[in-house]
Amino acid sequence: MSELPEPLRRRVIIEIYRQAAELDWDGLTDRQRTEHYNRWLDDLDIGGELARYLHRDKIRYWLKDVPMKEYARARSGIGPLADLVSVRLPGPDQIVKQVIGPDWSAVDGSVREKPNRCLVTNGWEQRLMIWGPPKALRDLVWAGINSVVDDLEPTPLLVIASPRGLELDPGEKRRHVLLGDVAGLEVLHTVLRVIRVTPAES
């Protein structure tokens, strides 16, 4: 979709991300998300701007494949669109401090995606922290198992991170921990509070 001028592309994504944050995108059903894609097509600041360069059928594809495909990672401060969000989730450094303690921090340059993971350290010990929302549990467990089997990284720690307001009940948390036990993986839970930031328009 290189035919979109970069200033327009950034401006439209900022607006999409602003609206997605207001809608609590993570809490929407698939049907509700489809409704909002339709609204974005008719929104002058989104579909109206994109229609100057893309056919309507390509706009829907672009909305799903570009901004919303990156939305979860961008909210975590990861990826090429991270500077365009207005509401950000805590990054790995903040998460590890929440779940293990203030002496721990993320190792610079170690963040990887799909699923999100990075090395964390307290100065003498290292762990591989793998984190994501509850719906990504299978991917997190699989990444943890592969890490153990490959034995190329420190002991993995899985962090199930729920946005505030979408916390898991005790039964769900217990099930996650038991699944981790079966796989030989430590599982911890945390609640993420959003941080309001100013997107970079240029």
N, C-alpha and C. Protein backbone atom coordinates (compact mmCIF):
# COMPACT_ATOMS: atom_id res chain seq x y z
N MET A 1 0.83 -1.19 0.00
CA MET A 1 0.00 0.00 0.00
C MET A 1 0.87 1.25 0.00
N SER A 2 1.93 1.21 -0.77
CA SER A 2 2.89 2.30 -0.79
C SER A 2 2.33 3.55 -1.44
N GLU A 3 1.12 3.46 -2.09
CA GLU A 3 0.55 4.63 -2.75
C GLU A 3 0.03 5.67 -1.77
N LEU A 4 -0.04 5.32 -0.48
CA LEU A 4 -0.50 6.28 0.52
C LEU A 4 0.64 7.21 0.92
N PRO A 5 0.44 8.52 0.85
CA PRO A 5 1.48 9.44 1.34
C PRO A 5 1.69 9.21 2.84
N GLU A 6 2.93 9.23 3.27
CA GLU A 6 3.25 8.91 4.65
C GLU A 6 2.55 9.83 5.66
N PRO A 7 2.48 11.17 5.45
CA PRO A 7 1.78 12.00 6.44
C PRO A 7 0.31 11.61 6.59
N LEU A 8 -0.36 11.31 5.48
CA LEU A 8 -1.76 10.90 5.53
C LEU A 8 -1.89 9.55 6.23
N ARG A 9 -1.02 8.62 5.87
CA ARG A 9 -1.04 7.28 6.48
C ARG A 9 -0.93 7.38 7.99
N ARG A 10 0.02 8.17 8.47
CA ARG A 10 0.22 8.31 9.91
C ARG A 10 -0.98 8.99 10.56
N ARG A 11 -1.51 10.02 9.93
CA ARG A 11 -2.66 10.74 10.47
C ARG A 11 -3.88 9.82 10.61
N VAL A 12 -4.12 9.00 9.60
CA VAL A 12 -5.27 8.09 9.62
C VAL A 12 -5.07 7.01 10.70
N ILE A 13 -3.87 6.46 10.81
CA ILE A 13 -3.63 5.43 11.81
C ILE A 13 -3.77 6.00 13.22
N ILE A 14 -3.31 7.22 13.44
CA ILE A 14 -3.47 7.86 14.75
C ILE A 14 -4.95 7.94 15.10
N GLU A 15 -5.79 8.33 14.13
CA GLU A 15 -7.23 8.43 14.38
C GLU A 15 -7.85 7.06 14.64
N ILE A 16 -7.45 6.06 13.88
CA ILE A 16 -7.95 4.70 14.09
C ILE A 16 -7.58 4.22 15.49
N TYR A 17 -6.34 4.42 15.88
CA TYR A 17 -5.89 3.97 17.20
C TYR A 17 -6.58 4.75 18.32
N ARG A 18 -6.85 6.03 18.09
CA ARG A 18 -7.56 6.82 19.09
C ARG A 18 -8.96 6.24 19.31
N GLN A 19 -9.65 5.95 18.20
CA GLN A 19 -11.00 5.41 18.31
C GLN A 19 -10.98 3.99 18.90
N ALA A 20 -10.01 3.19 18.50
CA ALA A 20 -9.91 1.82 19.03
C ALA A 20 -9.73 1.83 20.54
N ALA A 21 -8.94 2.78 21.05
CA ALA A 21 -8.74 2.90 22.49
C ALA A 21 -10.04 3.29 23.19
N GLU A 22 -10.78 4.23 22.61
CA GLU A 22 -12.05 4.65 23.19
C GLU A 22 -13.07 3.51 23.19
N LEU A 23 -13.00 2.66 22.16
CA LEU A 23 -13.95 1.55 22.03
C LEU A 23 -13.59 0.36 22.91
N ASP A 24 -12.38 0.38 23.53
CA ASP A 24 -11.87 -0.78 24.26
C ASP A 24 -11.84 -1.98 23.32
N TRP A 25 -11.05 -1.86 22.25
CA TRP A 25 -11.01 -2.83 21.16
C TRP A 25 -10.85 -4.28 21.64
N ASP A 26 -10.01 -4.48 22.65
CA ASP A 26 -9.78 -5.85 23.14
C ASP A 26 -11.04 -6.48 23.71
N GLY A 27 -11.97 -5.64 24.20
CA GLY A 27 -13.18 -6.17 24.80
C GLY A 27 -14.34 -6.36 23.83
N LEU A 28 -14.13 -6.02 22.54
CA LEU A 28 -15.21 -6.13 21.56
C LEU A 28 -15.31 -7.55 21.00
N THR A 29 -16.53 -7.94 20.66
CA THR A 29 -16.74 -9.22 19.98
C THR A 29 -16.35 -9.06 18.51
N ASP A 30 -16.21 -10.17 17.80
CA ASP A 30 -15.91 -10.10 16.36
C ASP A 30 -16.98 -9.33 15.61
N ARG A 31 -18.23 -9.53 15.99
CA ARG A 31 -19.34 -8.82 15.33
C ARG A 31 -19.23 -7.31 15.55
N GLN A 32 -18.92 -6.91 16.78
CA GLN A 32 -18.77 -5.48 17.07
C GLN A 32 -17.59 -4.88 16.29
N ARG A 33 -16.52 -5.64 16.16
CA ARG A 33 -15.37 -5.16 15.40
C ARG A 33 -15.74 -4.97 13.93
N THR A 34 -16.50 -5.91 13.38
CA THR A 34 -16.95 -5.79 11.99
C THR A 34 -17.78 -4.52 11.80
N GLU A 35 -18.65 -4.23 12.77
CA GLU A 35 -19.47 -3.01 12.71
C GLU A 35 -18.59 -1.77 12.67
N HIS A 36 -17.51 -1.80 13.46
CA HIS A 36 -16.65 -0.61 13.50
C HIS A 36 -15.78 -0.49 12.25
N TYR A 37 -15.40 -1.60 11.65
CA TYR A 37 -14.72 -1.51 10.36
C TYR A 37 -15.64 -0.82 9.35
N ASN A 38 -16.92 -1.17 9.37
CA ASN A 38 -17.89 -0.53 8.46
C ASN A 38 -18.01 0.96 8.75
N ARG A 39 -18.02 1.33 10.02
CA ARG A 39 -18.11 2.75 10.38
C ARG A 39 -16.85 3.50 9.93
N TRP A 40 -15.70 2.85 10.06
CA TRP A 40 -14.46 3.49 9.64
C TRP A 40 -14.44 3.73 8.13
N LEU A 41 -15.05 2.84 7.39
CA LEU A 41 -15.13 3.05 5.94
C LEU A 41 -15.87 4.33 5.61
N ASP A 42 -16.91 4.65 6.42
CA ASP A 42 -17.73 5.83 6.18
C ASP A 42 -17.27 7.07 6.94
N ASP A 43 -16.28 6.91 7.79
CA ASP A 43 -15.75 8.03 8.59
C ASP A 43 -14.90 8.92 7.67
N LEU A 44 -15.22 10.19 7.63
CA LEU A 44 -14.50 11.11 6.73
C LEU A 44 -13.02 11.20 7.05
N ASP A 45 -12.67 11.07 8.34
CA ASP A 45 -11.27 11.18 8.75
C ASP A 45 -10.48 9.88 8.52
N ILE A 46 -11.19 8.82 8.18
CA ILE A 46 -10.52 7.53 7.95
C ILE A 46 -10.80 7.08 6.52
N GLY A 47 -11.99 6.51 6.30
CA GLY A 47 -12.34 6.06 4.95
C GLY A 47 -12.34 7.18 3.93
N GLY A 48 -12.79 8.36 4.36
CA GLY A 48 -12.81 9.51 3.44
C GLY A 48 -11.42 9.90 2.97
N GLU A 49 -10.46 9.88 3.88
CA GLU A 49 -9.08 10.20 3.52
C GLU A 49 -8.46 9.10 2.65
N LEU A 50 -8.70 7.85 3.04
CA LEU A 50 -8.11 6.73 2.30
C LEU A 50 -8.71 6.59 0.90
N ALA A 51 -9.98 7.00 0.73
CA ALA A 51 -10.66 6.86 -0.57
C ALA A 51 -10.01 7.72 -1.65
N ARG A 52 -9.20 8.67 -1.25
CA ARG A 52 -8.49 9.49 -2.24
C ARG A 52 -7.40 8.68 -2.95
N TYR A 53 -7.01 7.54 -2.33
CA TYR A 53 -5.90 6.76 -2.88
C TYR A 53 -6.24 5.28 -3.09
N LEU A 54 -7.29 4.78 -2.40
CA LEU A 54 -7.62 3.36 -2.46
C LEU A 54 -9.10 3.17 -2.80
N HIS A 55 -9.41 2.09 -3.53
CA HIS A 55 -10.80 1.72 -3.76
C HIS A 55 -11.39 1.25 -2.43
N ARG A 56 -12.69 1.38 -2.28
CA ARG A 56 -13.37 1.04 -1.03
C ARG A 56 -13.08 -0.39 -0.57
N ASP A 57 -13.07 -1.36 -1.50
CA ASP A 57 -12.81 -2.74 -1.10
C ASP A 57 -11.39 -2.92 -0.57
N LYS A 58 -10.46 -2.11 -1.07
CA LYS A 58 -9.07 -2.20 -0.57
C LYS A 58 -8.91 -1.50 0.78
N ILE A 59 -9.77 -0.54 1.07
CA ILE A 59 -9.68 0.18 2.35
C ILE A 59 -9.92 -0.79 3.50
N ARG A 60 -10.96 -1.61 3.40
CA ARG A 60 -11.26 -2.57 4.48
C ARG A 60 -10.06 -3.50 4.68
N TYR A 61 -9.51 -3.99 3.59
CA TYR A 61 -8.34 -4.88 3.68
C TYR A 61 -7.19 -4.14 4.37
N TRP A 62 -6.95 -2.90 3.99
CA TRP A 62 -5.87 -2.12 4.56
C TRP A 62 -6.08 -1.91 6.07
N LEU A 63 -7.32 -1.59 6.46
CA LEU A 63 -7.61 -1.37 7.88
C LEU A 63 -7.25 -2.59 8.73
N LYS A 64 -7.59 -3.77 8.22
CA LYS A 64 -7.32 -4.99 8.98
C LYS A 64 -5.86 -5.39 8.90
N ASP A 65 -5.25 -5.21 7.73
CA ASP A 65 -3.91 -5.75 7.50
C ASP A 65 -2.78 -4.82 7.93
N VAL A 66 -3.07 -3.54 8.06
CA VAL A 66 -2.00 -2.62 8.46
C VAL A 66 -2.20 -2.14 9.90
N PRO A 67 -3.08 -1.17 10.16
CA PRO A 67 -3.13 -0.67 11.54
C PRO A 67 -3.60 -1.69 12.57
N MET A 68 -4.69 -2.43 12.28
CA MET A 68 -5.23 -3.31 13.32
C MET A 68 -4.43 -4.59 13.49
N LYS A 69 -3.73 -5.01 12.47
CA LYS A 69 -2.84 -6.17 12.62
C LYS A 69 -1.71 -5.84 13.58
N GLU A 70 -1.31 -4.58 13.62
CA GLU A 70 -0.21 -4.14 14.47
C GLU A 70 -0.67 -3.55 15.81
N TYR A 71 -1.98 -3.43 16.00
CA TYR A 71 -2.50 -2.68 17.15
C TYR A 71 -2.01 -3.23 18.49
N ALA A 72 -2.12 -4.53 18.70
CA ALA A 72 -1.71 -5.11 19.99
C ALA A 72 -0.23 -4.87 20.25
N ARG A 73 0.60 -5.07 19.23
CA ARG A 73 2.04 -4.85 19.41
C ARG A 73 2.34 -3.36 19.62
N ALA A 74 1.65 -2.51 18.85
CA ALA A 74 1.87 -1.07 19.00
C ALA A 74 1.52 -0.61 20.41
N ARG A 75 0.44 -1.13 20.97
CA ARG A 75 0.04 -0.76 22.33
C ARG A 75 1.07 -1.21 23.36
N SER A 76 1.83 -2.23 23.02
CA SER A 76 2.88 -2.72 23.93
C SER A 76 4.21 -2.01 23.69
N GLY A 77 4.19 -0.99 22.80
CA GLY A 77 5.42 -0.25 22.52
C GLY A 77 6.35 -0.97 21.59
N ILE A 78 5.81 -1.92 20.80
CA ILE A 78 6.63 -2.74 19.92
C ILE A 78 6.16 -2.55 18.48
N GLY A 79 7.11 -2.53 17.56
CA GLY A 79 6.75 -2.51 16.14
C GLY A 79 6.77 -1.12 15.54
N PRO A 80 6.57 -1.05 14.21
CA PRO A 80 6.73 0.21 13.48
C PRO A 80 5.64 1.25 13.73
N LEU A 81 4.52 0.85 14.34
CA LEU A 81 3.42 1.80 14.57
C LEU A 81 3.28 2.19 16.04
N ALA A 82 4.24 1.81 16.86
CA ALA A 82 4.15 2.05 18.31
C ALA A 82 4.05 3.53 18.67
N ASP A 83 4.62 4.39 17.84
CA ASP A 83 4.59 5.82 18.16
C ASP A 83 3.26 6.49 17.77
N LEU A 84 2.31 5.72 17.23
CA LEU A 84 1.05 6.29 16.77
C LEU A 84 -0.12 6.03 17.71
N VAL A 85 0.10 5.27 18.77
CA VAL A 85 -0.99 4.99 19.71
C VAL A 85 -1.16 6.15 20.69
N SER A 86 -2.38 6.29 21.20
CA SER A 86 -2.64 7.31 22.23
C SER A 86 -2.78 6.68 23.61
N VAL A 87 -2.99 5.36 23.63
CA VAL A 87 -3.08 4.62 24.88
C VAL A 87 -2.15 3.42 24.77
N ARG A 88 -1.19 3.34 25.67
CA ARG A 88 -0.19 2.29 25.60
C ARG A 88 -0.27 1.42 26.85
N LEU A 89 0.02 0.14 26.65
CA LEU A 89 0.13 -0.77 27.78
C LEU A 89 1.56 -0.72 28.31
N PRO A 90 1.78 -1.10 29.56
CA PRO A 90 3.15 -1.10 30.07
C PRO A 90 4.06 -1.97 29.22
N GLY A 91 5.31 -1.55 29.08
CA GLY A 91 6.29 -2.31 28.32
C GLY A 91 6.91 -3.40 29.17
N PRO A 92 7.82 -4.17 28.59
CA PRO A 92 8.41 -5.31 29.30
C PRO A 92 9.12 -4.91 30.60
N ASP A 93 9.76 -3.76 30.62
CA ASP A 93 10.47 -3.34 31.83
C ASP A 93 9.50 -3.14 32.99
N GLN A 94 8.37 -2.50 32.69
CA GLN A 94 7.36 -2.27 33.73
C GLN A 94 6.69 -3.58 34.14
N ILE A 95 6.45 -4.46 33.16
CA ILE A 95 5.77 -5.73 33.46
C ILE A 95 6.62 -6.59 34.38
N VAL A 96 7.91 -6.72 34.07
CA VAL A 96 8.75 -7.59 34.91
C VAL A 96 8.86 -7.03 36.33
N LYS A 97 8.87 -5.72 36.48
CA LYS A 97 8.90 -5.13 37.83
C LYS A 97 7.60 -5.46 38.58
N GLN A 98 6.47 -5.45 37.86
CA GLN A 98 5.18 -5.77 38.48
C GLN A 98 5.13 -7.22 38.94
N VAL A 99 5.63 -8.14 38.13
CA VAL A 99 5.40 -9.55 38.43
C VAL A 99 6.51 -10.20 39.27
N ILE A 100 7.74 -9.71 39.16
CA ILE A 100 8.83 -10.33 39.93
C ILE A 100 9.35 -9.40 41.01
N GLY A 101 9.51 -8.12 40.69
CA GLY A 101 9.99 -7.19 41.69
C GLY A 101 10.78 -6.04 41.10
N PRO A 102 10.99 -4.99 41.89
CA PRO A 102 11.61 -3.77 41.40
C PRO A 102 13.07 -3.91 41.00
N ASP A 103 13.72 -4.98 41.43
CA ASP A 103 15.13 -5.18 41.08
C ASP A 103 15.32 -5.73 39.68
N TRP A 104 14.22 -6.15 39.05
CA TRP A 104 14.31 -6.77 37.73
C TRP A 104 14.06 -5.74 36.63
N SER A 105 14.71 -5.96 35.49
CA SER A 105 14.51 -5.07 34.34
C SER A 105 14.71 -5.87 33.05
N ALA A 106 14.15 -5.32 31.96
CA ALA A 106 14.30 -5.95 30.65
C ALA A 106 15.70 -5.66 30.11
N VAL A 107 16.29 -6.62 29.44
CA VAL A 107 17.61 -6.44 28.83
C VAL A 107 17.43 -5.71 27.50
N ASP A 108 18.11 -4.59 27.36
CA ASP A 108 18.00 -3.77 26.15
C ASP A 108 18.30 -4.60 24.90
N GLY A 109 17.47 -4.41 23.87
CA GLY A 109 17.71 -5.05 22.58
C GLY A 109 17.32 -6.51 22.51
N SER A 110 16.67 -7.03 23.57
CA SER A 110 16.34 -8.46 23.57
C SER A 110 14.87 -8.75 23.24
N VAL A 111 14.06 -7.70 23.02
CA VAL A 111 12.63 -7.91 22.76
C VAL A 111 12.41 -8.53 21.39
N ARG A 112 11.61 -9.59 21.36
CA ARG A 112 11.19 -10.24 20.12
C ARG A 112 9.68 -10.42 20.16
N GLU A 113 9.10 -10.70 18.99
CA GLU A 113 7.65 -10.77 18.88
C GLU A 113 7.18 -12.16 18.48
N LYS A 114 5.85 -12.31 18.56
CA LYS A 114 5.14 -13.51 18.10
C LYS A 114 5.61 -14.78 18.79
N PRO A 115 5.36 -14.95 20.07
CA PRO A 115 4.77 -13.97 20.98
C PRO A 115 5.83 -13.02 21.55
N ASN A 116 5.36 -11.98 22.25
CA ASN A 116 6.28 -11.03 22.87
C ASN A 116 7.13 -11.74 23.90
N ARG A 117 8.44 -11.50 23.83
CA ARG A 117 9.34 -12.10 24.80
C ARG A 117 10.62 -11.28 24.86
N CYS A 118 11.30 -11.37 25.98
CA CYS A 118 12.59 -10.70 26.13
C CYS A 118 13.32 -11.30 27.32
N LEU A 119 14.60 -11.04 27.37
CA LEU A 119 15.39 -11.42 28.53
C LEU A 119 15.18 -10.40 29.63
N VAL A 120 15.09 -10.87 30.87
CA VAL A 120 14.98 -9.98 32.02
C VAL A 120 16.06 -10.39 33.02
N THR A 121 16.53 -9.43 33.80
CA THR A 121 17.61 -9.73 34.74
C THR A 121 17.49 -8.89 36.00
N ASN A 122 18.05 -9.41 37.09
CA ASN A 122 18.17 -8.62 38.31
C ASN A 122 19.63 -8.32 38.60
N GLY A 123 20.50 -8.54 37.61
CA GLY A 123 21.92 -8.26 37.76
C GLY A 123 22.77 -9.50 37.92
N TRP A 124 22.17 -10.59 38.44
CA TRP A 124 22.95 -11.83 38.57
C TRP A 124 22.20 -13.05 38.01
N GLU A 125 20.90 -12.91 37.83
CA GLU A 125 20.11 -14.01 37.27
C GLU A 125 19.37 -13.50 36.04
N GLN A 126 19.19 -14.37 35.05
CA GLN A 126 18.41 -14.01 33.86
C GLN A 126 17.26 -14.99 33.69
N ARG A 127 16.15 -14.47 33.17
CA ARG A 127 15.00 -15.29 32.79
C ARG A 127 14.57 -14.85 31.40
N LEU A 128 13.84 -15.71 30.71
CA LEU A 128 13.19 -15.35 29.46
C LEU A 128 11.73 -15.09 29.79
N MET A 129 11.30 -13.83 29.76
CA MET A 129 9.89 -13.50 30.04
C MET A 129 9.12 -13.53 28.73
N ILE A 130 8.05 -14.32 28.71
CA ILE A 130 7.17 -14.43 27.55
C ILE A 130 5.80 -13.94 28.02
N TRP A 131 5.26 -12.91 27.37
CA TRP A 131 4.02 -12.35 27.90
C TRP A 131 3.00 -12.07 26.79
N GLY A 132 1.74 -12.03 27.24
CA GLY A 132 0.65 -11.74 26.32
C GLY A 132 -0.68 -11.84 27.02
N PRO A 133 -1.77 -11.56 26.29
CA PRO A 133 -3.10 -11.62 26.89
C PRO A 133 -3.55 -13.07 27.08
N PRO A 134 -4.60 -13.28 27.88
CA PRO A 134 -5.08 -14.65 28.11
C PRO A 134 -5.39 -15.42 26.83
N LYS A 135 -5.90 -14.76 25.81
CA LYS A 135 -6.25 -15.47 24.57
C LYS A 135 -5.02 -16.01 23.84
N ALA A 136 -3.83 -15.53 24.22
CA ALA A 136 -2.59 -16.00 23.59
C ALA A 136 -1.92 -17.11 24.40
N LEU A 137 -2.63 -17.66 25.39
CA LEU A 137 -2.01 -18.65 26.28
C LEU A 137 -1.35 -19.80 25.51
N ARG A 138 -2.02 -20.34 24.52
CA ARG A 138 -1.46 -21.47 23.77
C ARG A 138 -0.12 -21.09 23.14
N ASP A 139 -0.06 -19.89 22.54
CA ASP A 139 1.19 -19.44 21.91
C ASP A 139 2.29 -19.23 22.95
N LEU A 140 1.91 -18.72 24.12
CA LEU A 140 2.90 -18.48 25.16
C LEU A 140 3.46 -19.81 25.68
N VAL A 141 2.58 -20.76 25.92
CA VAL A 141 3.02 -22.08 26.40
C VAL A 141 3.92 -22.75 25.36
N TRP A 142 3.51 -22.68 24.10
CA TRP A 142 4.30 -23.31 23.04
C TRP A 142 5.69 -22.68 22.95
N ALA A 143 5.75 -21.35 23.04
CA ALA A 143 7.05 -20.67 23.00
C ALA A 143 7.90 -21.08 24.20
N GLY A 144 7.26 -21.22 25.37
CA GLY A 144 7.99 -21.64 26.56
C GLY A 144 8.54 -23.05 26.43
N ILE A 145 7.71 -23.97 25.92
CA ILE A 145 8.15 -25.35 25.72
C ILE A 145 9.32 -25.40 24.75
N ASN A 146 9.22 -24.66 23.64
CA ASN A 146 10.31 -24.64 22.67
C ASN A 146 11.59 -24.09 23.27
N SER A 147 11.44 -23.08 24.12
CA SER A 147 12.62 -22.50 24.77
C SER A 147 13.32 -23.54 25.65
N VAL A 148 12.53 -24.32 26.38
CA VAL A 148 13.10 -25.36 27.25
C VAL A 148 13.76 -26.44 26.41
N VAL A 149 13.08 -26.89 25.36
CA VAL A 149 13.60 -27.96 24.51
C VAL A 149 14.89 -27.53 23.82
N ASP A 150 14.89 -26.30 23.28
CA ASP A 150 16.07 -25.81 22.56
C ASP A 150 17.23 -25.51 23.50
N ASP A 151 16.90 -25.18 24.77
CA ASP A 151 17.91 -24.93 25.80
C ASP A 151 18.94 -23.88 25.36
N LEU A 152 18.46 -22.87 24.63
CA LEU A 152 19.37 -21.81 24.16
C LEU A 152 19.21 -20.52 24.97
N GLU A 153 18.17 -20.48 25.82
CA GLU A 153 17.89 -19.25 26.56
C GLU A 153 17.67 -19.60 28.03
N PRO A 154 17.65 -18.57 28.90
CA PRO A 154 17.41 -18.82 30.33
C PRO A 154 16.01 -19.41 30.57
N THR A 155 15.78 -19.84 31.79
CA THR A 155 14.50 -20.43 32.17
C THR A 155 13.34 -19.50 31.83
N PRO A 156 12.33 -20.00 31.11
CA PRO A 156 11.22 -19.14 30.74
C PRO A 156 10.24 -18.88 31.88
N LEU A 157 9.63 -17.73 31.81
CA LEU A 157 8.58 -17.31 32.73
C LEU A 157 7.43 -16.80 31.88
N LEU A 158 6.24 -17.39 32.03
CA LEU A 158 5.09 -16.94 31.26
C LEU A 158 4.27 -15.96 32.08
N VAL A 159 3.95 -14.81 31.48
CA VAL A 159 3.16 -13.79 32.16
C VAL A 159 1.87 -13.58 31.37
N ILE A 160 0.75 -13.91 32.00
CA ILE A 160 -0.56 -13.67 31.40
C ILE A 160 -0.99 -12.29 31.84
N ALA A 161 -1.03 -11.36 30.89
CA ALA A 161 -1.27 -9.95 31.20
C ALA A 161 -2.64 -9.52 30.72
N SER A 162 -3.52 -9.21 31.65
CA SER A 162 -4.89 -8.78 31.31
C SER A 162 -5.01 -7.27 31.46
N PRO A 163 -5.62 -6.60 30.47
CA PRO A 163 -5.87 -5.16 30.65
C PRO A 163 -6.81 -4.94 31.83
N ARG A 164 -6.64 -3.83 32.51
CA ARG A 164 -7.51 -3.50 33.64
C ARG A 164 -8.96 -3.48 33.18
N GLY A 165 -9.82 -4.09 33.96
CA GLY A 165 -11.23 -4.18 33.59
C GLY A 165 -11.58 -5.50 32.94
N LEU A 166 -10.55 -6.24 32.50
CA LEU A 166 -10.78 -7.55 31.88
C LEU A 166 -10.04 -8.64 32.64
N GLU A 167 -9.96 -8.47 33.97
CA GLU A 167 -9.22 -9.40 34.81
C GLU A 167 -9.85 -10.80 34.78
N LEU A 168 -9.03 -11.80 34.95
CA LEU A 168 -9.49 -13.18 34.97
C LEU A 168 -10.01 -13.54 36.36
N ASP A 169 -10.94 -14.50 36.41
CA ASP A 169 -11.41 -14.95 37.72
C ASP A 169 -10.41 -15.97 38.27
N PRO A 170 -10.46 -16.23 39.57
CA PRO A 170 -9.48 -17.14 40.19
C PRO A 170 -9.43 -18.52 39.55
N GLY A 171 -10.58 -19.04 39.10
CA GLY A 171 -10.60 -20.36 38.47
C GLY A 171 -9.80 -20.39 37.18
N GLU A 172 -9.93 -19.33 36.37
CA GLU A 172 -9.16 -19.27 35.12
C GLU A 172 -7.68 -19.18 35.40
N LYS A 173 -7.31 -18.37 36.37
CA LYS A 173 -5.89 -18.24 36.72
C LYS A 173 -5.33 -19.58 37.19
N ARG A 174 -6.09 -20.28 38.04
CA ARG A 174 -5.63 -21.57 38.54
C ARG A 174 -5.42 -22.55 37.39
N ARG A 175 -6.33 -22.54 36.43
CA ARG A 175 -6.21 -23.43 35.27
C ARG A 175 -4.93 -23.13 34.49
N HIS A 176 -4.63 -21.83 34.29
CA HIS A 176 -3.41 -21.45 33.58
C HIS A 176 -2.17 -21.98 34.30
N VAL A 177 -2.17 -21.83 35.63
CA VAL A 177 -1.02 -22.29 36.42
C VAL A 177 -0.87 -23.81 36.30
N LEU A 178 -2.00 -24.53 36.34
CA LEU A 178 -1.95 -25.99 36.21
C LEU A 178 -1.46 -26.41 34.83
N LEU A 179 -1.90 -25.70 33.79
CA LEU A 179 -1.40 -26.00 32.45
C LEU A 179 0.11 -25.76 32.38
N GLY A 180 0.56 -24.68 33.01
CA GLY A 180 1.99 -24.41 33.06
C GLY A 180 2.74 -25.52 33.79
N ASP A 181 2.16 -26.00 34.90
CA ASP A 181 2.80 -27.08 35.66
C ASP A 181 2.98 -28.33 34.80
N VAL A 182 1.96 -28.66 34.02
CA VAL A 182 2.04 -29.84 33.15
C VAL A 182 3.20 -29.69 32.17
N ALA A 183 3.40 -28.46 31.67
CA ALA A 183 4.47 -28.20 30.70
C ALA A 183 5.80 -27.88 31.37
N GLY A 184 5.83 -27.83 32.71
CA GLY A 184 7.06 -27.49 33.42
C GLY A 184 7.42 -26.02 33.33
N LEU A 185 6.38 -25.15 33.26
CA LEU A 185 6.60 -23.72 33.08
C LEU A 185 5.96 -22.93 34.22
N GLU A 186 6.65 -21.92 34.69
CA GLU A 186 6.09 -21.03 35.70
C GLU A 186 5.16 -20.04 35.01
N VAL A 187 3.95 -19.88 35.55
CA VAL A 187 2.97 -18.96 35.00
C VAL A 187 2.57 -17.96 36.08
N LEU A 188 2.67 -16.68 35.75
CA LEU A 188 2.24 -15.61 36.65
C LEU A 188 1.20 -14.76 35.93
N HIS A 189 0.39 -14.06 36.71
CA HIS A 189 -0.64 -13.20 36.14
C HIS A 189 -0.42 -11.77 36.61
N THR A 190 -0.80 -10.82 35.76
CA THR A 190 -0.74 -9.42 36.16
C THR A 190 -1.83 -8.66 35.42
N VAL A 191 -2.15 -7.49 35.95
CA VAL A 191 -3.13 -6.61 35.33
C VAL A 191 -2.39 -5.38 34.82
N LEU A 192 -2.66 -5.02 33.57
CA LEU A 192 -1.98 -3.89 32.95
C LEU A 192 -2.87 -2.65 32.97
N ARG A 193 -2.33 -1.59 33.48
CA ARG A 193 -3.04 -0.30 33.45
C ARG A 193 -2.52 0.50 32.28
N VAL A 194 -3.44 1.06 31.51
CA VAL A 194 -3.02 1.79 30.31
C VAL A 194 -2.36 3.11 30.68
N ILE A 195 -1.51 3.56 29.77
CA ILE A 195 -0.78 4.82 29.93
C ILE A 195 -1.16 5.71 28.76
N ARG A 196 -1.62 6.91 29.03
CA ARG A 196 -1.96 7.83 27.93
C ARG A 196 -0.69 8.51 27.43
N VAL A 197 -0.52 8.51 26.12
CA VAL A 197 0.66 9.11 25.50
C VAL A 197 0.21 9.98 24.33
N THR A 198 1.11 10.82 23.85
CA THR A 198 0.81 11.66 22.70
C THR A 198 1.44 11.03 21.47
N PRO A 199 0.60 10.66 20.47
CA PRO A 199 1.17 10.06 19.25
C PRO A 199 2.05 11.04 18.49
N ALA A 200 3.03 10.50 17.76
CA ALA A 200 3.93 11.32 16.96
C ALA A 200 3.35 11.46 15.56
N GLU A 201 2.89 12.66 15.21
CA GLU A 201 2.23 12.86 13.92
C GLU A 201 3.19 12.93 12.76
N SER A 202 4.44 13.24 13.00
CA SER A 202 5.37 13.31 11.88
C SER A 202 6.71 12.72 12.26
